[in-house]
Amino acid sequence: MRRSNIDIGQISGIGRLCFVVCLFAGAGIAAATKHPAGMIAGVVVGVYLMFAIRVVQQWEKVAVLRLGKYVGLRGPGIFMMIPIVETLSAYVDQRVRVASVSAESTLTRDTVPVNVDAIVFWLVWNAEKSILEVENFVDAINMSAQTALRESIGRHQLAQMITERETMGRELQRILDEKTNPWGITVQSVEIRDVRIPAGLEDAMSRQAQAERERQARIILGQAETEISNSFVQAAAAYAENPVALHLRAMNMLYEAIKERGSMVIVPSSAVETMGLGGNLATAALAGVKP
């Protein structure tokens, strides 16, 4: 895509200023000499300078074509060109640019339709190649990014796309960079912005996740019951070998119950006999009687 040297939108402010100065100078000469030649010369020189003086911004480059042949890049700053003989290409912005691409209803590897939005950060590192080898590199970047995004979706499963967005972004960057480097363009990064799935599938995945959490909770509860039962078995074996320990444990449990609740606890006589509390109390009473 080329931009003509008579493009009014690219006439610089300095060129317009030169035209005005030459116009007033020609008018002054014509008034002094009483001849229109000065005015005509001023207009001709002013028009020439207006279209010959161009200014390129700091972040831009432009290619100069002389009679259709490439002669070099210009910019940034001010430069002169020959109107009509020389033409200019489109001004190339070398700052980082952003391209937003999307893929709608694209099937993943496990045949799930998804809508994916991505952002591509790219820049022109060689303006000469981008001008001479690509007709419209902006459209080429957008179309290439969209095609690469669809291909990448088809190679990944849904779970990978949701949990491994950074990996997918790096893969897209590598694919695009290999394609655009010969054009003088480099892709700096690709970010997967959003992955959307159908509402029905989203509800089914939610129910599946809930069922999985319930299953895990039941497994954990069963493991806890098993550990508790094993502890009871070990405690029973220890108490069977040492009945005194069992009696002390029972007395401790009774004491804790009375202590925490702060109320009277009625204990059956059979439990008292089992724990040997009667004999212990009688022995304590006898020990307290003085002869």
Protein backbone atom coordinates (compact mmCIF):
# COMPACT_ATOMS: atom_id res chain seq x y z
CA MET A 1 0.00 0.00 0.00
CA ARG A 2 1.48 3.32 -1.06
CA ARG A 3 0.64 6.86 -0.06
CA SER A 4 0.97 9.48 -2.75
CA ASN A 5 3.23 12.49 -2.34
CA ILE A 6 0.22 14.77 -2.88
CA ASP A 7 -1.61 13.36 0.12
CA ILE A 8 -2.89 16.48 1.87
CA GLY A 9 -3.18 14.68 5.19
CA GLN A 10 0.61 14.14 5.30
CA ILE A 11 1.64 17.72 4.45
CA SER A 12 3.76 18.92 7.35
CA GLY A 13 3.29 22.10 9.31
CA ILE A 14 6.72 23.28 8.14
CA GLY A 15 5.65 22.78 4.52
CA ARG A 16 2.53 24.86 5.05
CA LEU A 17 4.60 27.56 6.73
CA CYS A 18 7.02 27.65 3.79
CA PHE A 19 4.11 27.98 1.38
CA VAL A 20 2.70 30.95 3.29
CA VAL A 21 6.13 32.62 3.50
CA CYS A 22 6.76 32.15 -0.23
CA LEU A 23 3.26 33.41 -1.02
CA PHE A 24 3.80 36.63 0.95
CA ALA A 25 7.32 37.01 -0.46
CA GLY A 26 6.04 36.64 -4.02
CA ALA A 27 3.26 39.13 -3.33
CA GLY A 28 5.84 41.60 -1.99
CA ILE A 29 8.11 41.14 -5.01
CA ALA A 30 5.17 41.52 -7.39
CA ALA A 31 4.10 44.72 -5.63
CA ALA A 32 7.64 46.10 -5.72
CA THR A 33 8.30 45.26 -9.38
CA LYS A 34 4.78 45.89 -10.59
CA HIS A 35 4.95 42.53 -12.38
CA PRO A 36 3.04 39.28 -11.61
CA ALA A 37 6.10 37.11 -12.22
CA GLY A 38 7.19 37.48 -8.62
CA MET A 39 3.80 36.29 -7.38
CA ILE A 40 3.82 33.32 -9.76
CA ALA A 41 7.35 32.35 -8.72
CA GLY A 42 6.39 32.62 -5.04
CA VAL A 43 3.37 30.34 -5.53
CA VAL A 44 5.38 27.76 -7.48
CA VAL A 45 8.20 27.65 -4.94
CA GLY A 46 5.73 27.58 -2.05
CA VAL A 47 3.77 24.65 -3.53
CA TYR A 48 7.00 22.77 -4.19
CA LEU A 49 8.27 23.23 -0.66
CA MET A 50 4.88 22.39 0.82
CA PHE A 51 4.90 18.96 -0.81
CA ALA A 52 8.67 18.41 -0.69
CA ILE A 53 9.22 18.96 3.04
CA ARG A 54 8.00 16.06 5.12
CA VAL A 55 8.24 15.28 8.83
CA VAL A 56 8.25 11.77 10.28
CA GLN A 57 7.45 11.21 13.94
CA GLN A 58 9.96 9.64 16.32
CA TRP A 59 8.21 6.24 16.26
CA GLU A 60 7.64 6.12 12.48
CA LYS A 61 9.47 5.11 9.32
CA VAL A 62 8.51 5.71 5.69
CA ALA A 63 9.88 4.29 2.44
CA VAL A 64 10.70 6.57 -0.52
CA LEU A 65 10.05 5.26 -4.04
CA ARG A 66 11.59 7.12 -6.98
CA LEU A 67 9.72 6.37 -10.17
CA GLY A 68 8.46 3.21 -8.50
CA LYS A 69 11.88 2.01 -7.32
CA TYR A 70 12.75 1.76 -3.65
CA VAL A 71 15.53 4.18 -2.68
CA GLY A 72 15.51 3.96 1.12
CA LEU A 73 13.81 4.68 4.41
CA ARG A 74 13.32 8.13 5.90
CA GLY A 75 12.68 9.22 9.45
CA PRO A 76 12.36 10.10 12.16
CA GLY A 77 12.62 13.86 11.63
CA ILE A 78 12.45 16.19 8.64
CA PHE A 79 13.47 15.23 5.09
CA MET A 80 13.06 16.43 1.51
CA MET A 81 11.51 14.59 -1.41
CA ILE A 82 10.89 15.37 -5.07
CA PRO A 83 7.15 15.74 -5.66
CA ILE A 84 5.60 13.65 -8.48
CA VAL A 85 8.94 11.89 -9.13
CA GLU A 86 9.06 10.38 -5.69
CA THR A 87 6.25 8.80 -3.73
CA LEU A 88 5.96 7.64 -0.15
CA SER A 89 4.74 4.39 1.29
CA ALA A 90 2.42 4.15 4.24
CA TYR A 91 3.98 5.47 7.43
CA VAL A 92 5.04 2.50 9.58
CA ASP A 93 4.43 2.80 13.31
CA GLN A 94 7.21 0.93 15.15
CA ARG A 95 5.63 1.07 18.59
CA VAL A 96 4.13 -2.00 20.28
CA ARG A 97 0.67 -2.65 18.90
CA VAL A 98 -2.23 -4.74 20.17
CA ALA A 99 -4.39 -7.03 18.06
CA SER A 100 -7.54 -8.54 19.55
CA VAL A 101 -8.53 -11.90 18.03
CA SER A 102 -11.35 -14.29 18.81
CA ALA A 103 -12.45 -17.77 17.82
CA GLU A 104 -16.14 -18.60 18.12
CA SER A 105 -17.64 -22.10 18.40
CA THR A 106 -14.30 -23.78 17.78
CA LEU A 107 -14.02 -27.46 18.75
CA THR A 108 -11.35 -28.50 21.22
CA ARG A 109 -9.50 -31.81 21.06
CA ASP A 110 -12.26 -33.43 23.14
CA THR A 111 -14.95 -31.96 20.80
CA VAL A 112 -16.21 -29.22 23.09
CA PRO A 113 -17.30 -25.97 21.37
CA VAL A 114 -15.65 -22.94 22.99
CA ASN A 115 -15.35 -19.21 22.39
CA VAL A 116 -11.84 -17.90 23.03
CA ASP A 117 -10.61 -14.29 23.13
CA ALA A 118 -6.90 -13.48 22.92
CA ILE A 119 -4.65 -10.42 22.72
CA VAL A 120 -1.51 -10.31 20.57
CA PHE A 121 1.27 -7.79 21.32
CA TRP A 122 3.50 -7.20 18.28
CA LEU A 123 5.81 -4.60 16.73
CA VAL A 124 7.61 -3.88 13.47
CA TRP A 125 11.37 -4.32 13.97
CA ASN A 126 12.30 -3.99 10.27
CA ALA A 127 10.20 -1.39 8.47
CA GLU A 128 11.83 -2.12 5.10
CA LYS A 129 10.72 -5.76 5.08
CA SER A 130 7.23 -4.97 6.33
CA ILE A 131 6.73 -2.40 3.55
CA LEU A 132 8.28 -4.28 0.63
CA GLU A 133 7.26 -7.87 1.39
CA VAL A 134 3.71 -7.55 2.77
CA GLU A 135 0.87 -5.65 1.14
CA ASN A 136 -0.99 -4.97 4.40
CA PHE A 137 0.89 -6.35 7.39
CA VAL A 138 -1.79 -5.28 9.88
CA ASP A 139 -4.44 -7.47 8.22
CA ALA A 140 -1.86 -10.24 7.81
CA ILE A 141 -1.14 -10.22 11.56
CA ASN A 142 -4.83 -10.30 12.49
CA MET A 143 -5.68 -13.15 10.11
CA SER A 144 -2.60 -15.17 11.04
CA ALA A 145 -3.33 -14.78 14.75
CA GLN A 146 -6.94 -15.88 14.30
CA THR A 147 -5.91 -18.93 12.27
CA ALA A 148 -3.20 -19.90 14.77
CA LEU A 149 -5.68 -19.52 17.63
CA ARG A 150 -8.15 -21.92 16.00
CA GLU A 151 -5.41 -24.45 15.30
CA SER A 152 -4.17 -24.27 18.89
CA ILE A 153 -7.69 -24.79 20.26
CA GLY A 154 -8.03 -27.95 18.18
CA ARG A 155 -4.82 -29.36 19.68
CA HIS A 156 -5.79 -28.81 23.33
CA GLN A 157 -8.43 -30.31 25.57
CA LEU A 158 -10.86 -28.10 27.44
CA ALA A 159 -9.24 -28.71 30.83
CA GLN A 160 -5.82 -27.71 29.45
CA MET A 161 -7.20 -24.51 27.95
CA ILE A 162 -8.76 -23.47 31.26
CA THR A 163 -5.84 -24.35 33.54
CA GLU A 164 -2.85 -23.78 31.22
CA ARG A 165 -3.57 -20.46 29.52
CA GLU A 166 0.02 -19.26 29.81
CA THR A 167 1.33 -22.38 28.08
CA MET A 168 -1.17 -21.95 25.27
CA GLY A 169 -0.20 -18.26 24.94
CA ARG A 170 3.50 -19.13 24.62
CA GLU A 171 2.70 -21.71 21.97
CA LEU A 172 0.70 -19.15 19.97
CA GLN A 173 3.55 -16.65 20.28
CA ARG A 174 6.04 -19.17 18.91
CA ILE A 175 3.80 -20.09 15.96
CA LEU A 176 3.11 -16.46 15.04
CA ASP A 177 6.71 -15.36 15.51
CA GLU A 178 7.95 -18.01 13.08
CA LYS A 179 5.46 -16.78 10.49
CA THR A 180 5.92 -13.01 10.93
CA ASN A 181 9.70 -12.76 11.41
CA PRO A 182 10.37 -12.88 7.63
CA TRP A 183 8.03 -9.86 7.35
CA GLY A 184 10.14 -7.81 9.76
CA ILE A 185 7.56 -8.21 12.53
CA THR A 186 7.98 -9.88 15.89
CA VAL A 187 5.27 -11.09 18.26
CA GLN A 188 6.23 -10.19 21.81
CA SER A 189 3.51 -12.04 23.71
CA VAL A 190 0.05 -13.57 23.42
CA GLU A 191 -2.45 -13.55 26.29
CA ILE A 192 -5.56 -15.74 26.44
CA ARG A 193 -8.12 -13.33 27.83
CA ASP A 194 -11.23 -15.49 28.15
CA VAL A 195 -12.45 -19.04 27.50
CA ARG A 196 -16.24 -19.40 27.34
CA ILE A 197 -18.17 -22.68 27.13
CA PRO A 198 -21.91 -23.34 26.52
CA ALA A 199 -24.19 -22.76 29.51
CA GLY A 200 -25.46 -26.37 29.54
CA LEU A 201 -21.93 -27.76 29.62
CA GLU A 202 -20.95 -25.30 32.33
CA ASP A 203 -23.84 -26.52 34.51
CA ALA A 204 -22.86 -30.16 33.92
CA MET A 205 -19.24 -29.43 34.85
CA SER A 206 -20.43 -27.71 38.03
CA ARG A 207 -22.48 -30.76 39.03
CA GLN A 208 -19.53 -33.02 38.25
CA ALA A 209 -17.23 -30.95 40.45
CA GLN A 210 -19.78 -31.02 43.28
CA ALA A 211 -20.13 -34.79 43.02
CA GLU A 212 -16.34 -35.13 43.07
CA ARG A 213 -16.13 -33.05 46.25
CA GLU A 214 -18.82 -35.18 47.92
CA ARG A 215 -16.92 -38.33 46.95
CA GLN A 216 -13.72 -36.97 48.45
CA ALA A 217 -15.56 -35.98 51.64
CA ARG A 218 -16.95 -39.50 52.03
CA ILE A 219 -13.55 -41.04 51.43
CA ILE A 220 -12.00 -38.81 54.08
CA LEU A 221 -14.82 -39.65 56.53
CA GLY A 222 -14.31 -43.38 55.94
CA GLN A 223 -10.58 -43.06 56.50
CA ALA A 224 -11.25 -41.21 59.76
CA GLU A 225 -13.65 -43.94 60.92
CA THR A 226 -11.04 -46.58 60.12
CA GLU A 227 -8.36 -44.76 62.10
CA ILE A 228 -10.72 -44.29 65.06
CA SER A 229 -11.71 -47.97 65.08
CA ASN A 230 -8.04 -48.99 64.98
CA SER A 231 -7.39 -46.72 67.95
CA PHE A 232 -10.27 -48.32 69.84
CA VAL A 233 -8.90 -51.79 69.09
CA GLN A 234 -5.48 -50.80 70.42
CA ALA A 235 -7.03 -49.22 73.54
CA ALA A 236 -9.16 -52.31 74.18
CA ALA A 237 -6.09 -54.56 73.97
CA ALA A 238 -4.24 -52.33 76.44
CA TYR A 239 -7.16 -52.23 78.89
CA ALA A 240 -7.62 -56.01 78.65
CA GLU A 241 -4.06 -56.55 79.84
CA ASN A 242 -4.37 -53.95 82.63
CA PRO A 243 -7.84 -53.77 84.31
CA VAL A 244 -6.63 -51.12 86.75
CA ALA A 245 -5.98 -48.77 83.85
CA LEU A 246 -9.54 -49.34 82.66
CA HIS A 247 -10.89 -48.49 86.12
CA LEU A 248 -8.79 -45.33 86.26
CA ARG A 249 -10.02 -44.32 82.84
CA ALA A 250 -13.61 -44.83 83.88
CA MET A 251 -13.10 -42.79 87.02
CA ASN A 252 -11.47 -40.03 85.00
CA MET A 253 -14.37 -39.95 82.55
CA LEU A 254 -16.81 -39.73 85.46
CA TYR A 255 -14.83 -36.91 87.02
CA GLU A 256 -14.65 -34.97 83.75
CA ALA A 257 -18.40 -35.29 83.26
CA ILE A 258 -19.11 -33.94 86.74
CA LYS A 259 -16.52 -31.18 86.35
CA GLU A 260 -17.69 -29.89 82.99
CA ARG A 261 -21.43 -30.03 83.53
CA GLY A 262 -21.38 -29.01 87.20
CA SER A 263 -24.31 -31.27 88.05
CA MET A 264 -25.05 -34.54 89.82
CA VAL A 265 -24.41 -37.72 87.91
CA ILE A 266 -26.24 -40.92 88.94
CA VAL A 267 -24.03 -43.97 88.42
CA PRO A 268 -25.58 -47.47 88.51
CA SER A 269 -24.37 -49.74 91.30
CA SER A 270 -23.18 -52.28 88.75
CA ALA A 271 -20.87 -49.67 87.26
CA VAL A 272 -19.59 -48.80 90.73
CA GLU A 273 -18.88 -52.46 91.47
CA THR A 274 -17.20 -52.87 88.09
CA MET A 275 -14.86 -49.98 88.76
CA GLY A 276 -14.22 -51.17 92.36
CA LEU A 277 -15.29 -47.84 93.77
CA GLY A 278 -17.04 -49.42 96.77
CA GLY A 279 -13.91 -51.18 98.01
CA ASN A 280 -11.80 -48.14 97.40
CA LEU A 281 -14.20 -45.91 99.36
CA ALA A 282 -14.31 -48.42 102.27
CA THR A 283 -10.55 -48.63 102.37
CA ALA A 284 -10.31 -44.83 102.38
CA ALA A 285 -12.90 -44.63 105.19
CA LEU A 286 -11.05 -47.19 107.36
CA ALA A 287 -7.79 -45.37 106.81
CA GLY A 288 -9.39 -42.19 108.11
CA VAL A 289 -10.64 -43.78 111.45
CA LYS A 290 -8.29 -43.18 114.38
CA PRO A 291 -7.71 -46.04 116.93
